[in-house]
Structures are given as C-alpha cells and as structure tokens.
C-alpha atoms as a PDB file:
ATOM      1  CA  MET A   1     143.400 116.178 135.709  1.00  0.00           C
ATOM      2  CA  SER A   2     142.948 112.785 133.757  1.00  0.00           C
ATOM      3  CA  HIS A   3     146.133 110.113 132.916  1.00  0.00           C
ATOM      4  CA  ILE A   4     145.887 107.273 130.508  1.00  0.00           C
ATOM      5  CA  THR A   5     146.884 104.048 132.724  1.00  0.00           C
ATOM      6  CA  GLY A   6     146.013 100.890 130.722  1.00  0.00           C
ATOM      7  CA  THR A   7     143.187  99.597 128.249  1.00  0.00           C
ATOM      8  CA  VAL A   8     140.139  97.904 128.029  1.00  0.00           C
ATOM      9  CA  GLN A   9     140.514  94.026 127.196  1.00  0.00           C
ATOM     10  CA  VAL A  10     136.655  92.573 126.074  1.00  0.00           C
ATOM     11  CA  LEU A  11     136.469  88.689 126.906  1.00  0.00           C
ATOM     12  CA  SER A  12     134.705  86.753 124.162  1.00  0.00           C
ATOM     13  CA  PRO A  13     132.671  84.943 124.898  1.00  0.00           C
ATOM     14  CA  PRO A  14     131.918  86.582 128.296  1.00  0.00           C
ATOM     15  CA  MET A  15     132.515  84.764 131.697  1.00  0.00           C
ATOM     16  CA  THR A  16     129.395  83.674 133.354  1.00  0.00           C
ATOM     17  CA  ILE A  17     129.294  83.942 136.841  1.00  0.00           C
ATOM     18  CA  GLY A  18     127.305  81.563 138.806  1.00  0.00           C
ATOM     19  CA  PRO A  19     127.053  80.534 142.688  1.00  0.00           C
ATOM     20  CA  GLY A  20     130.523  79.623 144.298  1.00  0.00           C
ATOM     21  CA  THR A  21     133.994  81.368 144.158  1.00  0.00           C
ATOM     22  CA  ILE A  22     135.971  81.806 140.626  1.00  0.00           C
ATOM     23  CA  ASN A  23     139.430  83.381 140.555  1.00  0.00           C
ATOM     24  CA  PHE A  24     139.949  85.595 137.704  1.00  0.00           C
ATOM     25  CA  ASN A  25     143.497  85.437 136.614  1.00  0.00           C
ATOM     26  CA  PRO A  26     144.097  87.413 132.888  1.00  0.00           C
ATOM     27  CA  LEU A  27     146.768  87.201 131.144  1.00  0.00           C
ATOM     28  CA  GLN A  28     149.578  90.250 132.194  1.00  0.00           C
ATOM     29  CA  ALA A  29     150.176  93.232 130.107  1.00  0.00           C
ATOM     30  CA  PRO A  30     153.742  92.840 128.321  1.00  0.00           C
ATOM     31  CA  LEU A  31     155.236  95.286 130.515  1.00  0.00           C
ATOM     32  CA  GLY A  32     153.428  94.362 133.694  1.00  0.00           C
ATOM     33  CA  THR A  33     149.850  94.509 135.321  1.00  0.00           C
ATOM     34  CA  LYS A  34     149.371  97.095 137.993  1.00  0.00           C
ATOM     35  CA  LEU A  35     145.733  96.933 138.483  1.00  0.00           C
ATOM     36  CA  LEU A  36     142.238  95.585 137.240  1.00  0.00           C
ATOM     37  CA  MET A  37     138.446  96.948 137.212  1.00  0.00           C
ATOM     38  CA  LEU A  38     136.014  94.091 136.382  1.00  0.00           C
ATOM     39  CA  HIS A  39     132.642  95.104 134.546  1.00  0.00           C
ATOM     40  CA  PHE A  40     129.612  92.744 134.863  1.00  0.00           C
ATOM     41  CA  GLN A  41     126.845  92.426 132.906  1.00  0.00           C
ATOM     42  CA  ASN A  42     123.780  91.055 131.985  1.00  0.00           C
ATOM     43  CA  ILE A  43     122.656  90.734 135.836  1.00  0.00           C
ATOM     44  CA  ASN A  44     120.254  87.971 137.255  1.00  0.00           C
ATOM     45  CA  PHE A  45     120.306  88.225 140.554  1.00  0.00           C
ATOM     46  CA  LEU A  46     117.626  86.344 142.381  1.00  0.00           C
ATOM     47  CA  PRO A  47     115.911  88.093 145.748  1.00  0.00           C
ATOM     48  CA  GLY A  48     119.410  88.422 148.032  1.00  0.00           C
ATOM     49  CA  ASP A  49     121.596  87.255 145.841  1.00  0.00           C
ATOM     50  CA  GLN A  50     125.395  89.349 146.395  1.00  0.00           C
ATOM     51  CA  LEU A  51     128.550  89.534 143.835  1.00  0.00           C
ATOM     52  CA  GLN A  52     131.421  90.116 145.968  1.00  0.00           C
ATOM     53  CA  VAL A  53     135.018  91.091 144.317  1.00  0.00           C
ATOM     54  CA  ASN A  54     137.710  91.207 146.578  1.00  0.00           C
ATOM     55  CA  LEU A  55     139.771  94.275 145.943  1.00  0.00           C
ATOM     56  CA  GLY A  56     143.062  93.299 148.007  1.00  0.00           C
ATOM     57  CA  TYR A  57     141.640  96.081 150.175  1.00  0.00           C
ATOM     58  CA  ASP A  58     138.267  96.278 150.388  1.00  0.00           C
ATOM     59  CA  ILE A  59     135.495  94.313 148.927  1.00  0.00           C
ATOM     60  CA  ASP A  60     133.181  95.344 146.343  1.00  0.00           C
ATOM     61  CA  VAL A  61     129.686  93.979 147.148  1.00  0.00           C
ATOM     62  CA  PHE A  62     126.850  94.254 144.296  1.00  0.00           C
ATOM     63  CA  THR A  63     122.878  93.019 144.649  1.00  0.00           C
ATOM     64  CA  ALA A  64     120.101  94.051 142.531  1.00  0.00           C
ATOM     65  CA  ALA A  65     119.904  97.248 143.653  1.00  0.00           C
ATOM     66  CA  SER A  66     123.672  97.693 141.596  1.00  0.00           C
ATOM     67  CA  GLY A  67     121.979  98.421 138.094  1.00  0.00           C
ATOM     68  CA  SER A  68     121.778  95.834 135.149  1.00  0.00           C
ATOM     69  CA  ALA A  69     125.964  96.491 134.494  1.00  0.00           C
ATOM     70  CA  PHE A  70     128.479  97.591 136.565  1.00  0.00           C
ATOM     71  CA  TRP A  71     132.714  98.293 137.380  1.00  0.00           C
ATOM     72  CA  THR A  72     134.382  97.505 140.279  1.00  0.00           C
ATOM     73  CA  ARG A  73     137.018  99.891 141.600  1.00  0.00           C
ATOM     74  CA  PRO A  74     140.608  98.951 140.938  1.00  0.00           C
ATOM     75  CA  VAL A  75     141.557  95.560 142.033  1.00  0.00           C
ATOM     76  CA  ASN A  76     145.237  95.251 143.641  1.00  0.00           C
ATOM     77  CA  VAL A  77     146.502  92.225 141.761  1.00  0.00           C
ATOM     78  CA  TYR A  78     149.702  92.529 143.710  1.00  0.00           C
ATOM     79  CA  ALA A  79     147.051  91.054 147.091  1.00  0.00           C
ATOM     80  CA  PHE A  80     145.978  87.630 144.659  1.00  0.00           C
ATOM     81  CA  PRO A  81     148.978  86.134 142.445  1.00  0.00           C
ATOM     82  CA  GLY A  82     146.175  83.409 141.824  1.00  0.00           C
ATOM     83  CA  GLY A  83     143.691  85.365 140.677  1.00  0.00           C
ATOM     84  CA  VAL A  84     140.888  87.923 141.580  1.00  0.00           C
ATOM     85  CA  PRO A  85     138.310  86.229 143.953  1.00  0.00           C
ATOM     86  CA  ILE A  86     135.070  87.217 142.635  1.00  0.00           C
ATOM     87  CA  ALA A  87     132.286  85.299 144.807  1.00  0.00           C
ATOM     88  CA  TYR A  88     128.539  84.749 143.566  1.00  0.00           C
ATOM     89  CA  VAL A  89     126.831  84.438 147.046  1.00  0.00           C
ATOM     90  CA  ALA A  90     123.572  83.252 146.417  1.00  0.00           C
ATOM     91  CA  ALA A  91     120.610  83.999 149.049  1.00  0.00           C
ATOM     92  CA  GLY A  92     118.296  80.417 148.251  1.00  0.00           C
ATOM     93  CA  LEU A  93     118.139  78.571 145.827  1.00  0.00           C
ATOM     94  CA  PRO A  94     121.159  78.855 143.157  1.00  0.00           C
ATOM     95  CA  GLY A  95     119.995  79.665 139.604  1.00  0.00           C
ATOM     96  CA  GLY A  96     121.354  83.782 139.404  1.00  0.00           C
ATOM     97  CA  SER A  97     124.354  84.760 137.412  1.00  0.00           C
ATOM     98  CA  VAL A  98     126.509  87.569 136.319  1.00  0.00           C
ATOM     99  CA  GLN A  99     128.720  88.067 133.239  1.00  0.00           C
ATOM    100  CA  LEU A 100     132.078  89.524 133.170  1.00  0.00           C
ATOM    101  CA  ASP A 101     131.991  90.638 129.417  1.00  0.00           C
ATOM    102  CA  GLN A 102     135.262  93.002 129.957  1.00  0.00           C
ATOM    103  CA  PHE A 103     138.106  94.659 132.325  1.00  0.00           C
ATOM    104  CA  GLY A 104     140.445  97.429 132.393  1.00  0.00           C
ATOM    105  CA  ARG A 105     144.204  96.747 132.967  1.00  0.00           C
ATOM    106  CA  GLY A 106     146.197  99.422 134.345  1.00  0.00           C
ATOM    107  CA  GLU A 107     149.271  98.904 132.468  1.00  0.00           C
ATOM    108  CA  ARG A 108     152.158 101.162 131.732  1.00  0.00           C
ATOM    109  CA  HIS A 109     151.506 103.005 128.900  1.00  0.00           C
ATOM    110  CA  ASN A 110     153.783 105.697 126.289  1.00  0.00           C
ATOM    111  CA  GLY A 111     151.238 107.269 124.771  1.00  0.00           C
ATOM    112  CA  GLU A 112     151.171 110.289 122.688  1.00  0.00           C
ATOM    113  CA  PRO A 113     152.844 112.161 120.960  1.00  0.00           C
ATOM    114  CA  ILE A 114     156.140 109.956 120.611  1.00  0.00           C
ATOM    115  CA  GLN A 115     154.030 106.530 120.218  1.00  0.00           C
ATOM    116  CA  PRO A 116     150.564 105.376 119.074  1.00  0.00           C
ATOM    117  CA  GLN A 117     148.107 105.591 121.038  1.00  0.00           C
ATOM    118  CA  PRO A 118     146.829 101.450 121.850  1.00  0.00           C
ATOM    119  CA  ALA A 119     143.356 100.668 121.121  1.00  0.00           C
ATOM    120  CA  SER A 120     141.687 101.383 124.062  1.00  0.00           C
ATOM    121  CA  PRO A 121     143.484 102.913 126.751  1.00  0.00           C
ATOM    122  CA  ILE A 122     141.850 103.683 130.228  1.00  0.00           C
ATOM    123  CA  ALA A 123     141.763 107.025 131.364  1.00  0.00           C
ATOM    124  CA  ILE A 124     141.430 108.527 134.727  1.00  0.00           C
ATOM    125  CA  ARG A 125     140.078 111.547 135.910  1.00  0.00           C
ATOM    126  CA  SER A 126     140.271 112.545 139.257  1.00  0.00           C
ATOM    127  CA  ILE A 127     137.767 115.606 140.320  1.00  0.00           C
ATOM    128  CA  ARG A 128     139.603 116.890 143.897  1.00  0.00           C
ATOM    129  CA  ARG A 129     136.806 118.962 146.725  1.00  0.00           C
ATOM    130  CA  PRO A 130     138.272 118.857 150.142  1.00  0.00           C
ATOM    131  CA  LEU A 131     138.387 116.343 153.022  1.00  0.00           C
ATOM    132  CA  THR A 132     137.006 113.161 152.764  1.00  0.00           C
ATOM    133  CA  ARG A 133     135.940 110.871 149.320  1.00  0.00           C
ATOM    134  CA  SER A 134     132.493 110.447 149.335  1.00  0.00           C
ATOM    135  CA  ARG A 135     132.209 108.457 146.502  1.00  0.00           C
ATOM    136  CA  ASN A 136     133.534 106.910 143.019  1.00  0.00           C
ATOM    137  CA  MET A 137     132.281 106.835 140.045  1.00  0.00           C
ATOM    138  CA  ILE A 138     133.003 105.157 136.051  1.00  0.00           C
ATOM    139  CA  ARG A 139     132.073 105.875 133.507  1.00  0.00           C
ATOM    140  CA  SER A 140     133.034 105.358 129.154  1.00  0.00           C
ATOM    141  CA  GLY A 141     133.538 107.659 126.636  1.00  0.00           C
ATOM    142  CA  THR A 142     135.458 107.754 123.720  1.00  0.00           C
ATOM    143  CA  ALA A 143     139.064 109.930 123.318  1.00  0.00           C
ATOM    144  CA  MET A 144     140.669 111.344 120.225  1.00  0.00           C
ATOM    145  CA  ASN A 145     143.757 112.047 118.735  1.00  0.00           C
ATOM    146  CA  HIS A 146     142.719 115.501 117.350  1.00  0.00           C
ATOM    147  CA  ARG A 147     145.922 115.308 114.998  1.00  0.00           C
ATOM    148  CA  THR A 148     144.876 112.460 113.183  1.00  0.00           C
ATOM    149  CA  GLY A 149     141.484 111.742 114.150  1.00  0.00           C
ATOM    150  CA  THR A 150     141.366 108.402 115.084  1.00  0.00           C
ATOM    151  CA  THR A 151     138.834 107.714 118.244  1.00  0.00           C
ATOM    152  CA  TRP A 152     139.262 104.940 121.184  1.00  0.00           C
ATOM    153  CA  PRO A 153     136.915 104.195 124.028  1.00  0.00           C
ATOM    154  CA  VAL A 154     138.188 104.981 127.436  1.00  0.00           C
ATOM    155  CA  LEU A 155     137.031 104.771 130.912  1.00  0.00           C
ATOM    156  CA  HIS A 156     136.865 107.418 133.660  1.00  0.00           C
ATOM    157  CA  LEU A 157     137.595 106.941 137.086  1.00  0.00           C
ATOM    158  CA  LEU A 158     136.125 109.693 138.657  1.00  0.00           C
ATOM    159  CA  LEU A 159     136.868 110.395 142.431  1.00  0.00           C
ATOM    160  CA  THR A 160     135.112 112.949 144.495  1.00  0.00           C
ATOM    161  CA  TYR A 161     135.499 114.566 147.518  1.00  0.00           C
ATOM    162  CA  ALA A 162     133.112 116.037 150.350  1.00  0.00           C
ATOM    163  CA  ARG A 163     133.535 118.088 153.129  1.00  0.00           C
ATOM    164  CA  GLY A 164     133.897 115.956 156.060  1.00  0.00           C
END
C-alpha cells in the first residue's frame, strides 16, 4: 500500500548542527503540516557523540554507526509548537557536526488525476506482516505520472512487521 502524504523540502544552504540543542521550525505547509521527517548528511561524529531528535512520542538517537546519512522517523509536530528539538550531544571535546539538508513535510495533498502532482511528494508504503513492528526503513526513489511522463522524487516509509 502506498500513500502520497506530502513533499520533500530542500534546505539551501543545509543547516549545520554542532554541540548543543536547536529547535527546527520550518514554514508550515499551505494547508497545515501534519508531520516531519528529517534528513541528515555529512555526518562528522567524534567518538561517543550522539544526535538526538525528539519525535514527540520517542527519541531517535543516531551515532557514528548510523551511517553517513539518515532519516528520522516521523515527528509529531503538534507536540512542538516552537520547533522540533534536535540535540547534538558531544561525548568529549566539541568539534563534531551534522547537516540537516532536507525534510519531508506531511501535508494535505490533492494529487492525481484531478490536480497535478507537486514537485516532490512523499509516498508512504506499508508492508505488513502479523503482530509486532520490528523495524522501519525510509528509502528515496522516483515516482512517475505515466500519462504525462513527468517524474518527481519520493520517500517510501517501509513499515515491517514480524512474528512476536
């Protein structure tokens, strides 16, 4: 199952985040923002450093083992009227950093066939297996309108479930 839920917004220039806490508060979508998914790149963690993103229902924690780029799980924007708290926690000397370069913005989307597609929608695809959720993955890709041949970037949030 796949649903278009919003757009991918590119930050230009990317926001560099070092030790300390910032609140990320992007512009609202025209009809209101329902959720955010944040993408980080150019990861420069020093040993033991962490990036913590408060989701409003849990906290995503990233370390050097998380890779060179990663997405957060969806953020409950209603929990943070002043912006999403992002904390870079230095384990020792300050000096590490990450860049927030883009974010997915969940929003109302009119879509095809009556309205044209926006430049970059987010698609959420669910893969269900019985019982408990085991892991989530976010992948990027391209969607295409087969009638007009136009393409746009999309995000797929793959929800996987495994036996208990």
